[in-house]
Amino acid sequence: DPGVSGGRGGLVMRPVKEKMLRAPFQGFFQANSALVGSMVD
């Protein structure tokens, strides 16, 4: 977590279909955790 002040840097781990993806903490990732697997399908 880069902290309250934000700024670039930092990663977040996101689970999708039994895999774990890294993404930029301040970047974009599909928001619906319950449906992203169906979207990939």
Full PDB file with SEQRES, HELIX, SHEET, SSBOND, CRYST1, ORIGX, SCALE, CONECT and MASTER records, all heavy atoms in Angstrom:
SEQRES   1 A   41  ASP PRO GLY VAL SER GLY GLY ARG GLY GLY LEU VAL MET          
SEQRES   2 A   41  ARG PRO VAL LYS GLU LYS MET LEU ARG ALA PRO PHE GLN          
SEQRES   3 A   41  GLY PHE PHE GLN ALA ASN SER ALA LEU VAL GLY SER MET          
SEQRES   4 A   41  VAL ASP                                                      
HELIX    1 AA1 VAL A   36  VAL A   40  1                                   5    
SHEET    1 AA1 2 LEU A  11  VAL A  16  0                                        
SHEET    2 AA1 2 LYS A  19  PRO A  24 -1                                        
CRYST1    1.000    1.000    1.000  90.00  90.00  90.00 P 1           1          
ORIGX1      1.000000  0.000000  0.000000        0.00000                         
ORIGX2      0.000000  1.000000  0.000000        0.00000                         
ORIGX3      0.000000  0.000000  1.000000        0.00000                         
SCALE1      1.000000  0.000000  0.000000        0.00000                         
SCALE2      0.000000  1.000000  0.000000        0.00000                         
SCALE3      0.000000  0.000000  1.000000        0.00000                         
ATOM      1  N   ASP A   1       0.849  -1.191   0.000  1.00  0.00           N  
ATOM      2  CA  ASP A   1       0.000   0.000   0.000  1.00  0.00           C  
ATOM      3  C   ASP A   1       0.884   1.240   0.000  1.00  0.00           C  
ATOM      4  O   ASP A   1       1.689   1.426   0.921  1.00  0.00           O  
ATOM      5  CB  ASP A   1      -0.884  -0.017   1.252  1.00  0.00           C  
ATOM      6  CG  ASP A   1      -1.866   1.142   1.286  1.00  0.00           C  
ATOM      7  OD1 ASP A   1      -1.667   2.135   0.554  1.00  0.00           O  
ATOM      8  OD2 ASP A   1      -2.821   1.063   2.054  1.00  0.00           O  
ATOM      9  N   PRO A   2       0.764   2.110  -1.013  1.00  0.00           N  
ATOM     10  CA  PRO A   2       1.599   3.306  -1.055  1.00  0.00           C  
ATOM     11  C   PRO A   2       1.181   4.369  -0.061  1.00  0.00           C  
ATOM     12  O   PRO A   2       1.811   5.405   0.036  1.00  0.00           O  
ATOM     13  CB  PRO A   2       1.424   3.807  -2.495  1.00  0.00           C  
ATOM     14  CG  PRO A   2       0.079   3.336  -2.880  1.00  0.00           C  
ATOM     15  CD  PRO A   2      -0.113   2.013  -2.186  1.00  0.00           C  
ATOM     16  N   GLY A   3       0.097   4.153   0.680  1.00  0.00           N  
ATOM     17  CA  GLY A   3      -0.300   5.111   1.707  1.00  0.00           C  
ATOM     18  C   GLY A   3      -1.378   6.048   1.250  1.00  0.00           C  
ATOM     19  O   GLY A   3      -1.762   6.090   0.092  1.00  0.00           O  
ATOM     20  N   VAL A   4      -1.887   6.836   2.192  1.00  0.00           N  
ATOM     21  CA  VAL A   4      -3.001   7.737   1.930  1.00  0.00           C  
ATOM     22  C   VAL A   4      -2.650   8.763   0.865  1.00  0.00           C  
ATOM     23  O   VAL A   4      -3.485   9.162   0.061  1.00  0.00           O  
ATOM     24  CB  VAL A   4      -3.425   8.448   3.228  1.00  0.00           C  
ATOM     25  CG1 VAL A   4      -4.503   9.492   2.948  1.00  0.00           C  
ATOM     26  CG2 VAL A   4      -3.939   7.438   4.235  1.00  0.00           C  
ATOM     27  N   SER A   5      -1.423   9.195   0.814  1.00  0.00           N  
ATOM     28  CA  SER A   5      -1.041  10.228  -0.139  1.00  0.00           C  
ATOM     29  C   SER A   5      -0.938   9.699  -1.561  1.00  0.00           C  
ATOM     30  O   SER A   5      -0.766  10.467  -2.493  1.00  0.00           O  
ATOM     31  CB  SER A   5       0.299  10.856   0.266  1.00  0.00           C  
ATOM     32  OG  SER A   5       0.161  11.516   1.497  1.00  0.00           O  
ATOM     33  N   GLY A   6      -1.052   8.380  -1.719  1.00  0.00           N  
ATOM     34  CA  GLY A   6      -1.080   7.817  -3.071  1.00  0.00           C  
ATOM     35  C   GLY A   6       0.266   7.902  -3.745  1.00  0.00           C  
ATOM     36  O   GLY A   6       1.302   7.653  -3.160  1.00  0.00           O  
ATOM     37  N   GLY A   7       0.239   8.292  -5.031  1.00  0.00           N  
ATOM     38  CA  GLY A   7       1.457   8.268  -5.815  1.00  0.00           C  
ATOM     39  C   GLY A   7       1.605   6.923  -6.483  1.00  0.00           C  
ATOM     40  O   GLY A   7       0.972   5.944  -6.104  1.00  0.00           O  
ATOM     41  N   ARG A   8       2.419   6.840  -7.509  1.00  0.00           N  
ATOM     42  CA  ARG A   8       2.599   5.581  -8.217  1.00  0.00           C  
ATOM     43  C   ARG A   8       3.437   4.636  -7.371  1.00  0.00           C  
ATOM     44  O   ARG A   8       4.116   5.018  -6.423  1.00  0.00           O  
ATOM     45  CB  ARG A   8       3.262   5.820  -9.568  1.00  0.00           C  
ATOM     46  CG  ARG A   8       2.515   6.772 -10.469  1.00  0.00           C  
ATOM     47  CD  ARG A   8       1.112   6.297 -10.780  1.00  0.00           C  
ATOM     48  NE  ARG A   8       1.124   5.135 -11.643  1.00  0.00           N  
ATOM     49  CZ  ARG A   8       0.023   4.506 -12.053  1.00  0.00           C  
ATOM     50  NH1 ARG A   8      -1.164   4.911 -11.655  1.00  0.00           N  
ATOM     51  NH2 ARG A   8       0.110   3.462 -12.845  1.00  0.00           N  
ATOM     52  N   GLY A   9       3.408   3.386  -7.713  1.00  0.00           N  
ATOM     53  CA  GLY A   9       4.181   2.402  -6.989  1.00  0.00           C  
ATOM     54  C   GLY A   9       3.299   1.508  -6.154  1.00  0.00           C  
ATOM     55  O   GLY A   9       2.205   1.872  -5.756  1.00  0.00           O  
ATOM     56  N   GLY A  10       3.782   0.312  -5.878  1.00  0.00           N  
ATOM     57  CA  GLY A  10       3.023  -0.633  -5.082  1.00  0.00           C  
ATOM     58  C   GLY A  10       2.210  -1.565  -5.937  1.00  0.00           C  
ATOM     59  O   GLY A  10       1.770  -1.211  -7.028  1.00  0.00           O  
ATOM     60  N   LEU A  11       2.022  -2.794  -5.454  1.00  0.00           N  
ATOM     61  CA  LEU A  11       1.277  -3.803  -6.178  1.00  0.00           C  
ATOM     62  C   LEU A  11       0.137  -4.323  -5.326  1.00  0.00           C  
ATOM     63  O   LEU A  11       0.166  -4.242  -4.105  1.00  0.00           O  
ATOM     64  CB  LEU A  11       2.188  -4.972  -6.564  1.00  0.00           C  
ATOM     65  CG  LEU A  11       3.387  -4.670  -7.455  1.00  0.00           C  
ATOM     66  CD1 LEU A  11       4.210  -5.936  -7.655  1.00  0.00           C  
ATOM     67  CD2 LEU A  11       2.936  -4.115  -8.792  1.00  0.00           C  
ATOM     68  N   VAL A  12      -0.852  -4.885  -5.985  1.00  0.00           N  
ATOM     69  CA  VAL A  12      -1.949  -5.558  -5.302  1.00  0.00           C  
ATOM     70  C   VAL A  12      -2.139  -6.907  -5.967  1.00  0.00           C  
ATOM     71  O   VAL A  12      -1.909  -7.060  -7.174  1.00  0.00           O  
ATOM     72  CB  VAL A  12      -3.237  -4.700  -5.353  1.00  0.00           C  
ATOM     73  CG1 VAL A  12      -3.714  -4.515  -6.782  1.00  0.00           C  
ATOM     74  CG2 VAL A  12      -4.328  -5.301  -4.488  1.00  0.00           C  
ATOM     75  N   MET A  13      -2.533  -7.912  -5.184  1.00  0.00           N  
ATOM     76  CA  MET A  13      -2.748  -9.246  -5.708  1.00  0.00           C  
ATOM     77  C   MET A  13      -4.248  -9.473  -5.888  1.00  0.00           C  
ATOM     78  O   MET A  13      -5.040  -9.201  -4.991  1.00  0.00           O  
ATOM     79  CB  MET A  13      -2.179 -10.292  -4.742  1.00  0.00           C  
ATOM     80  CG  MET A  13      -0.725 -10.064  -4.377  1.00  0.00           C  
ATOM     81  SD  MET A  13       0.386 -10.151  -5.805  1.00  0.00           S  
ATOM     82  CE  MET A  13       0.242 -11.874  -6.236  1.00  0.00           C  
ATOM     83  N   ARG A  14      -4.634  -9.982  -7.078  1.00  0.00           N  
ATOM     84  CA  ARG A  14      -6.048 -10.201  -7.380  1.00  0.00           C  
ATOM     85  C   ARG A  14      -6.272 -11.657  -7.809  1.00  0.00           C  
ATOM     86  O   ARG A  14      -5.606 -12.140  -8.734  1.00  0.00           O  
ATOM     87  CB  ARG A  14      -6.498  -9.288  -8.527  1.00  0.00           C  
ATOM     88  CG  ARG A  14      -6.460  -7.794  -8.234  1.00  0.00           C  
ATOM     89  CD  ARG A  14      -7.584  -7.382  -7.291  1.00  0.00           C  
ATOM     90  NE  ARG A  14      -7.187  -7.453  -5.897  1.00  0.00           N  
ATOM     91  CZ  ARG A  14      -8.035  -7.331  -4.884  1.00  0.00           C  
ATOM     92  NH1 ARG A  14      -9.318  -7.190  -5.106  1.00  0.00           N  
ATOM     93  NH2 ARG A  14      -7.589  -7.386  -3.653  1.00  0.00           N  
ATOM     94  N   PRO A  15      -7.212 -12.371  -7.170  1.00  0.00           N  
ATOM     95  CA  PRO A  15      -7.484 -13.755  -7.554  1.00  0.00           C  
ATOM     96  C   PRO A  15      -8.480 -13.837  -8.708  1.00  0.00           C  
ATOM     97  O   PRO A  15      -9.514 -13.167  -8.704  1.00  0.00           O  
ATOM     98  CB  PRO A  15      -8.096 -14.343  -6.278  1.00  0.00           C  
ATOM     99  CG  PRO A  15      -8.773 -13.184  -5.611  1.00  0.00           C  
ATOM    100  CD  PRO A  15      -7.983 -11.953  -5.982  1.00  0.00           C  
ATOM    101  N   VAL A  16      -8.157 -14.650  -9.707  1.00  0.00           N  
ATOM    102  CA  VAL A  16      -9.069 -14.893 -10.839  1.00  0.00           C  
ATOM    103  C   VAL A  16      -8.938 -16.355 -11.253  1.00  0.00           C  
ATOM    104  O   VAL A  16      -7.841 -16.803 -11.608  1.00  0.00           O  
ATOM    105  CB  VAL A  16      -8.748 -13.989 -12.055  1.00  0.00           C  
ATOM    106  CG1 VAL A  16      -9.734 -14.265 -13.182  1.00  0.00           C  
ATOM    107  CG2 VAL A  16      -8.767 -12.523 -11.668  1.00  0.00           C  
ATOM    108  N   LYS A  17     -10.019 -17.108 -11.183  1.00  0.00           N  
ATOM    109  CA  LYS A  17     -10.048 -18.489 -11.661  1.00  0.00           C  
ATOM    110  C   LYS A  17      -8.870 -19.294 -11.117  1.00  0.00           C  
ATOM    111  O   LYS A  17      -8.131 -19.935 -11.858  1.00  0.00           O  
ATOM    112  CB  LYS A  17     -10.069 -18.518 -13.191  1.00  0.00           C  
ATOM    113  CG  LYS A  17     -11.374 -18.017 -13.784  1.00  0.00           C  
ATOM    114  CD  LYS A  17     -11.302 -17.874 -15.306  1.00  0.00           C  
ATOM    115  CE  LYS A  17     -11.108 -19.202 -15.995  1.00  0.00           C  
ATOM    116  NZ  LYS A  17     -12.309 -20.086 -15.868  1.00  0.00           N  
ATOM    117  N   GLU A  18      -8.694 -19.256  -9.803  1.00  0.00           N  
ATOM    118  CA  GLU A  18      -7.674 -20.021  -9.088  1.00  0.00           C  
ATOM    119  C   GLU A  18      -6.245 -19.597  -9.419  1.00  0.00           C  
ATOM    120  O   GLU A  18      -5.291 -20.322  -9.131  1.00  0.00           O  
ATOM    121  CB  GLU A  18      -7.855 -21.525  -9.335  1.00  0.00           C  
ATOM    122  CG  GLU A  18      -9.224 -22.037  -8.871  1.00  0.00           C  
ATOM    123  CD  GLU A  18      -9.406 -23.528  -9.106  1.00  0.00           C  
ATOM    124  OE1 GLU A  18      -8.519 -24.129  -9.760  1.00  0.00           O  
ATOM    125  OE2 GLU A  18     -10.405 -24.084  -8.636  1.00  0.00           O  
ATOM    126  N   LYS A  19      -6.099 -18.441 -10.044  1.00  0.00           N  
ATOM    127  CA  LYS A  19      -4.771 -17.871 -10.271  1.00  0.00           C  
ATOM    128  C   LYS A  19      -4.695 -16.520  -9.559  1.00  0.00           C  
ATOM    129  O   LYS A  19      -5.722 -15.888  -9.293  1.00  0.00           O  
ATOM    130  CB  LYS A  19      -4.477 -17.703 -11.761  1.00  0.00           C  
ATOM    131  CG  LYS A  19      -4.421 -19.025 -12.531  1.00  0.00           C  
ATOM    132  CD  LYS A  19      -4.036 -18.805 -13.971  1.00  0.00           C  
ATOM    133  CE  LYS A  19      -4.088 -20.094 -14.777  1.00  0.00           C  
ATOM    134  NZ  LYS A  19      -3.101 -21.097 -14.291  1.00  0.00           N  
ATOM    135  N   MET A  20      -3.486 -16.082  -9.258  1.00  0.00           N  
ATOM    136  CA  MET A  20      -3.292 -14.811  -8.577  1.00  0.00           C  
ATOM    137  C   MET A  20      -2.513 -13.866  -9.486  1.00  0.00           C  
ATOM    138  O   MET A  20      -1.414 -14.197  -9.933  1.00  0.00           O  
ATOM    139  CB  MET A  20      -2.542 -15.020  -7.259  1.00  0.00           C  
ATOM    140  CG  MET A  20      -2.614 -13.845  -6.315  1.00  0.00           C  
ATOM    141  SD  MET A  20      -4.268 -13.497  -5.656  1.00  0.00           S  
ATOM    142  CE  MET A  20      -4.536 -14.902  -4.583  1.00  0.00           C  
ATOM    143  N   LEU A  21      -3.106 -12.707  -9.788  1.00  0.00           N  
ATOM    144  CA  LEU A  21      -2.476 -11.741 -10.683  1.00  0.00           C  
ATOM    145  C   LEU A  21      -1.976 -10.537  -9.900  1.00  0.00           C  
ATOM    146  O   LEU A  21      -2.645 -10.055  -8.974  1.00  0.00           O  
ATOM    147  CB  LEU A  21      -3.470 -11.250 -11.744  1.00  0.00           C  
ATOM    148  CG  LEU A  21      -3.756 -12.158 -12.939  1.00  0.00           C  
ATOM    149  CD1 LEU A  21      -4.698 -13.280 -12.533  1.00  0.00           C  
ATOM    150  CD2 LEU A  21      -4.345 -11.356 -14.077  1.00  0.00           C  
ATOM    151  N   ARG A  22      -0.815 -10.040 -10.306  1.00  0.00           N  
ATOM    152  CA  ARG A  22      -0.301  -8.778  -9.774  1.00  0.00           C  
ATOM    153  C   ARG A  22      -0.822  -7.634 -10.629  1.00  0.00           C  
ATOM    154  O   ARG A  22      -0.890  -7.759 -11.843  1.00  0.00           O  
ATOM    155  CB  ARG A  22       1.231  -8.770  -9.806  1.00  0.00           C  
ATOM    156  CG  ARG A  22       1.870  -9.802  -8.942  1.00  0.00           C  
ATOM    157  CD  ARG A  22       3.268 -10.149  -9.424  1.00  0.00           C  
ATOM    158  NE  ARG A  22       3.830 -11.232  -8.636  1.00  0.00           N  
ATOM    159  CZ  ARG A  22       3.510 -12.521  -8.808  1.00  0.00           C  
ATOM    160  NH1 ARG A  22       2.656 -12.877  -9.753  1.00  0.00           N  
ATOM    161  NH2 ARG A  22       4.047 -13.450  -8.047  1.00  0.00           N  
ATOM    162  N   ALA A  23      -1.153  -6.526  -9.975  1.00  0.00           N  
ATOM    163  CA  ALA A  23      -1.600  -5.327 -10.691  1.00  0.00           C  
ATOM    164  C   ALA A  23      -1.079  -4.106  -9.954  1.00  0.00           C  
ATOM    165  O   ALA A  23      -0.868  -4.154  -8.734  1.00  0.00           O  
ATOM    166  CB  ALA A  23      -3.125  -5.285 -10.771  1.00  0.00           C  
ATOM    167  N   PRO A  24      -0.856  -2.989 -10.660  1.00  0.00           N  
ATOM    168  CA  PRO A  24      -0.430  -1.765  -9.974  1.00  0.00           C  
ATOM    169  C   PRO A  24      -1.478  -1.319  -8.951  1.00  0.00           C  
ATOM    170  O   PRO A  24      -2.679  -1.330  -9.243  1.00  0.00           O  
ATOM    171  CB  PRO A  24      -0.301  -0.742 -11.112  1.00  0.00           C  
ATOM    172  CG  PRO A  24      -0.109  -1.566 -12.340  1.00  0.00           C  
ATOM    173  CD  PRO A  24      -0.915  -2.808 -12.129  1.00  0.00           C  
ATOM    174  N   PHE A  25      -1.035  -0.958  -7.772  1.00  0.00           N  
ATOM    175  CA  PHE A  25      -1.965  -0.556  -6.713  1.00  0.00           C  
ATOM    176  C   PHE A  25      -2.847   0.593  -7.161  1.00  0.00           C  
ATOM    177  O   PHE A  25      -4.031   0.647  -6.856  1.00  0.00           O  
ATOM    178  CB  PHE A  25      -1.179  -0.160  -5.452  1.00  0.00           C  
ATOM    179  CG  PHE A  25      -2.041  -0.042  -4.232  1.00  0.00           C  
ATOM    180  CD1 PHE A  25      -2.161  -1.100  -3.347  1.00  0.00           C  
ATOM    181  CD2 PHE A  25      -2.739   1.124  -3.962  1.00  0.00           C  
ATOM    182  CE1 PHE A  25      -2.970  -1.003  -2.222  1.00  0.00           C  
ATOM    183  CE2 PHE A  25      -3.548   1.229  -2.843  1.00  0.00           C  
ATOM    184  CZ  PHE A  25      -3.664   0.163  -1.974  1.00  0.00           C  
ATOM    185  N   GLN A  26      -2.283   1.535  -7.892  1.00  0.00           N  
ATOM    186  CA  GLN A  26      -3.036   2.697  -8.352  1.00  0.00           C  
ATOM    187  C   GLN A  26      -3.654   2.480  -9.740  1.00  0.00           C  
ATOM    188  O   GLN A  26      -4.254   3.398 -10.295  1.00  0.00           O  
ATOM    189  CB  GLN A  26      -2.118   3.928  -8.409  1.00  0.00           C  
ATOM    190  CG  GLN A  26      -1.504   4.314  -7.083  1.00  0.00           C  
ATOM    191  CD  GLN A  26      -2.509   4.940  -6.134  1.00  0.00           C  
ATOM    192  OE1 GLN A  26      -3.468   5.559  -6.570  1.00  0.00           O  
ATOM    193  NE2 GLN A  26      -2.288   4.785  -4.845  1.00  0.00           N  
ATOM    194  N   GLY A  27      -3.530   1.287 -10.280  1.00  0.00           N  
ATOM    195  CA  GLY A  27      -3.973   1.037 -11.646  1.00  0.00           C  
ATOM    196  C   GLY A  27      -5.364   0.444 -11.732  1.00  0.00           C  
ATOM    197  O   GLY A  27      -6.105   0.343 -10.756  1.00  0.00           O  
ATOM    198  N   PHE A  28      -5.697   0.000 -12.957  1.00  0.00           N  
ATOM    199  CA  PHE A  28      -7.029  -0.539 -13.233  1.00  0.00           C  
ATOM    200  C   PHE A  28      -7.043  -2.047 -13.079  1.00  0.00           C  
ATOM    201  O   PHE A  28      -6.094  -2.731 -13.460  1.00  0.00           O  
ATOM    202  CB  PHE A  28      -7.456  -0.179 -14.669  1.00  0.00           C  
ATOM    203  CG  PHE A  28      -8.719  -0.873 -15.109  1.00  0.00           C  
ATOM    204  CD1 PHE A  28      -9.963  -0.391 -14.718  1.00  0.00           C  
ATOM    205  CD2 PHE A  28      -8.662  -2.021 -15.882  1.00  0.00           C  
ATOM    206  CE1 PHE A  28     -11.131  -1.041 -15.107  1.00  0.00           C  
ATOM    207  CE2 PHE A  28      -9.825  -2.670 -16.282  1.00  0.00           C  
ATOM    208  CZ  PHE A  28     -11.056  -2.179 -15.888  1.00  0.00           C  
ATOM    209  N   PHE A  29      -8.143  -2.540 -12.515  1.00  0.00           N  
ATOM    210  CA  PHE A  29      -8.431  -3.973 -12.524  1.00  0.00           C  
ATOM    211  C   PHE A  29      -9.939  -4.129 -12.411  1.00  0.00           C  
ATOM    212  O   PHE A  29     -10.607  -3.323 -11.758  1.00  0.00           O  
ATOM    213  CB  PHE A  29      -7.732  -4.705 -11.368  1.00  0.00           C  
ATOM    214  CG  PHE A  29      -7.603  -6.189 -11.601  1.00  0.00           C  
ATOM    215  CD1 PHE A  29      -6.537  -6.701 -12.318  1.00  0.00           C  
ATOM    216  CD2 PHE A  29      -8.553  -7.070 -11.115  1.00  0.00           C  
ATOM    217  CE1 PHE A  29      -6.420  -8.063 -12.559  1.00  0.00           C  
ATOM    218  CE2 PHE A  29      -8.448  -8.429 -11.345  1.00  0.00           C  
ATOM    219  CZ  PHE A  29      -7.376  -8.930 -12.064  1.00  0.00           C  
ATOM    220  N   GLN A  30     -10.500  -5.152 -13.062  1.00  0.00           N  
ATOM    221  CA  GLN A  30     -11.944  -5.351 -13.034  1.00  0.00           C  
ATOM    222  C   GLN A  30     -12.443  -5.403 -11.590  1.00  0.00           C  
ATOM    223  O   GLN A  30     -11.915  -6.136 -10.762  1.00  0.00           O  
ATOM    224  CB  GLN A  30     -12.325  -6.630 -13.771  1.00  0.00           C  
ATOM    225  CG  GLN A  30     -12.060  -6.584 -15.258  1.00  0.00           C  
ATOM    226  CD  GLN A  30     -12.954  -5.596 -15.999  1.00  0.00           C  
ATOM    227  OE1 GLN A  30     -14.009  -5.211 -15.517  1.00  0.00           O  
ATOM    228  NE2 GLN A  30     -12.522  -5.190 -17.177  1.00  0.00           N  
ATOM    229  N   ALA A  31     -13.499  -4.617 -11.301  1.00  0.00           N  
ATOM    230  CA  ALA A  31     -13.905  -4.391  -9.918  1.00  0.00           C  
ATOM    231  C   ALA A  31     -14.743  -5.513  -9.327  1.00  0.00           C  
ATOM    232  O   ALA A  31     -14.722  -5.728  -8.117  1.00  0.00           O  
ATOM    233  CB  ALA A  31     -14.684  -3.080  -9.815  1.00  0.00           C  
ATOM    234  N   ASN A  32     -15.515  -6.244 -10.147  1.00  0.00           N  
ATOM    235  CA  ASN A  32     -16.443  -7.238  -9.615  1.00  0.00           C  
ATOM    236  C   ASN A  32     -15.716  -8.555  -9.373  1.00  0.00           C  
ATOM    237  O   ASN A  32     -15.544  -9.371 -10.271  1.00  0.00           O  
ATOM    238  CB  ASN A  32     -17.615  -7.449 -10.571  1.00  0.00           C  
ATOM    239  CG  ASN A  32     -18.746  -8.245  -9.947  1.00  0.00           C  
ATOM    240  OD1 ASN A  32     -18.524  -9.186  -9.200  1.00  0.00           O  
ATOM    241  ND2 ASN A  32     -19.971  -7.866 -10.261  1.00  0.00           N  
ATOM    242  N   SER A  33     -15.310  -8.766  -8.132  1.00  0.00           N  
ATOM    243  CA  SER A  33     -14.529  -9.956  -7.794  1.00  0.00           C  
ATOM    244  C   SER A  33     -15.321 -11.231  -8.023  1.00  0.00           C  
ATOM    245  O   SER A  33     -14.745 -12.286  -8.315  1.00  0.00           O  
ATOM    246  CB  SER A  33     -14.089  -9.879  -6.327  1.00  0.00           C  
ATOM    247  OG  SER A  33     -13.378  -8.689  -6.075  1.00  0.00           O  
ATOM    248  N   ALA A  34     -16.656 -11.175  -7.900  1.00  0.00           N  
ATOM    249  CA  ALA A  34     -17.497 -12.362  -8.015  1.00  0.00           C  
ATOM    250  C   ALA A  34     -17.776 -12.749  -9.463  1.00  0.00           C  
ATOM    251  O   ALA A  34     -18.217 -13.873  -9.715  1.00  0.00           O  
ATOM    252  CB  ALA A  34     -18.821 -12.139  -7.284  1.00  0.00           C  
ATOM    253  N   LEU A  35     -17.516 -11.854 -10.413  1.00  0.00           N  
ATOM    254  CA  LEU A  35     -17.934 -12.091 -11.798  1.00  0.00           C  
ATOM    255  C   LEU A  35     -16.790 -12.030 -12.795  1.00  0.00           C  
ATOM    256  O   LEU A  35     -16.971 -12.374 -13.969  1.00  0.00           O  
ATOM    257  CB  LEU A  35     -19.008 -11.062 -12.182  1.00  0.00           C  
ATOM    258  CG  LEU A  35     -19.913 -11.351 -13.380  1.00  0.00           C  
ATOM    259  CD1 LEU A  35     -20.568 -12.719 -13.253  1.00  0.00           C  
ATOM    260  CD2 LEU A  35     -20.966 -10.268 -13.511  1.00  0.00           C  
ATOM    261  N   VAL A  36     -15.606 -11.649 -12.361  1.00  0.00           N  
ATOM    262  CA  VAL A  36     -14.504 -11.475 -13.301  1.00  0.00           C  
ATOM    263  C   VAL A  36     -14.144 -12.791 -13.982  1.00  0.00           C  
ATOM    264  O   VAL A  36     -13.773 -12.822 -15.166  1.00  0.00           O  
ATOM    265  CB  VAL A  36     -13.278 -10.842 -12.598  1.00  0.00           C  
ATOM    266  CG1 VAL A  36     -12.705 -11.750 -11.526  1.00  0.00           C  
ATOM    267  CG2 VAL A  36     -12.214 -10.465 -13.612  1.00  0.00           C  
ATOM    268  N   GLY A  37     -14.291 -13.918 -13.282  1.00  0.00           N  
ATOM    269  CA  GLY A  37     -14.014 -15.209 -13.893  1.00  0.00           C  
ATOM    270  C   GLY A  37     -14.968 -15.523 -15.035  1.00  0.00           C  
ATOM    271  O   GLY A  37     -14.558 -16.054 -16.078  1.00  0.00           O  
ATOM    272  N   SER A  38     -16.249 -15.180 -14.862  1.00  0.00           N  
ATOM    273  CA  SER A  38     -17.239 -15.384 -15.928  1.00  0.00           C  
ATOM    274  C   SER A  38     -16.938 -14.492 -17.125  1.00  0.00           C  
ATOM    275  O   SER A  38     -17.158 -14.891 -18.279  1.00  0.00           O  
ATOM    276  CB  SER A  38     -18.647 -15.092 -15.402  1.00  0.00           C  
ATOM    277  OG  SER A  38     -19.001 -16.002 -14.389  1.00  0.00           O  
ATOM    278  N   MET A  39     -16.432 -13.290 -16.849  1.00  0.00           N  
ATOM    279  CA  MET A  39     -16.065 -12.389 -17.934  1.00  0.00           C  
ATOM    280  C   MET A  39     -14.908 -12.983 -18.749  1.00  0.00           C  
ATOM    281  O   MET A  39     -14.927 -12.968 -19.990  1.00  0.00           O  
ATOM    282  CB  MET A  39     -15.670 -11.037 -17.362  1.00  0.00           C  
ATOM    283  CG  MET A  39     -15.309 -10.003 -18.401  1.00  0.00           C  
ATOM    284  SD  MET A  39     -14.798  -8.476 -17.598  1.00  0.00           S  
ATOM    285  CE  MET A  39     -14.467  -7.471 -19.031  1.00  0.00           C  
ATOM    286  N   VAL A  40     -13.910 -13.521 -18.059  1.00  0.00           N  
ATOM    287  CA  VAL A  40     -12.786 -14.173 -18.740  1.00  0.00           C  
ATOM    288  C   VAL A  40     -13.292 -15.345 -19.569  1.00  0.00           C  
ATOM    289  O   VAL A  40     -12.874 -15.541 -20.718  1.00  0.00           O  
ATOM    290  CB  VAL A  40     -11.732 -14.629 -17.711  1.00  0.00           C  
ATOM    291  CG1 VAL A  40     -10.683 -15.525 -18.379  1.00  0.00           C  
ATOM    292  CG2 VAL A  40     -11.054 -13.422 -17.064  1.00  0.00           C  
ATOM    293  N   ASP A  41     -14.223 -16.125 -19.020  1.00  0.00           N  
ATOM    294  CA  ASP A  41     -14.776 -17.259 -19.756  1.00  0.00           C  
ATOM    295  C   ASP A  41     -15.475 -16.804 -21.042  1.00  0.00           C  
ATOM    296  O   ASP A  41     -15.386 -17.475 -22.079  1.00  0.00           O  
ATOM    297  CB  ASP A  41     -15.772 -18.029 -18.880  1.00  0.00           C  
ATOM    298  CG  ASP A  41     -15.094 -18.818 -17.773  1.00  0.00           C  
ATOM    299  OD1 ASP A  41     -13.884 -19.089 -17.891  1.00  0.00           O  
ATOM    300  OD2 ASP A  41     -15.775 -19.150 -16.773  1.00  0.00           O  
TER     301      ASP A  41                                                      
MASTER        0    0    0    1    2    0    0    6  300    1    0    4          
END                                                                             
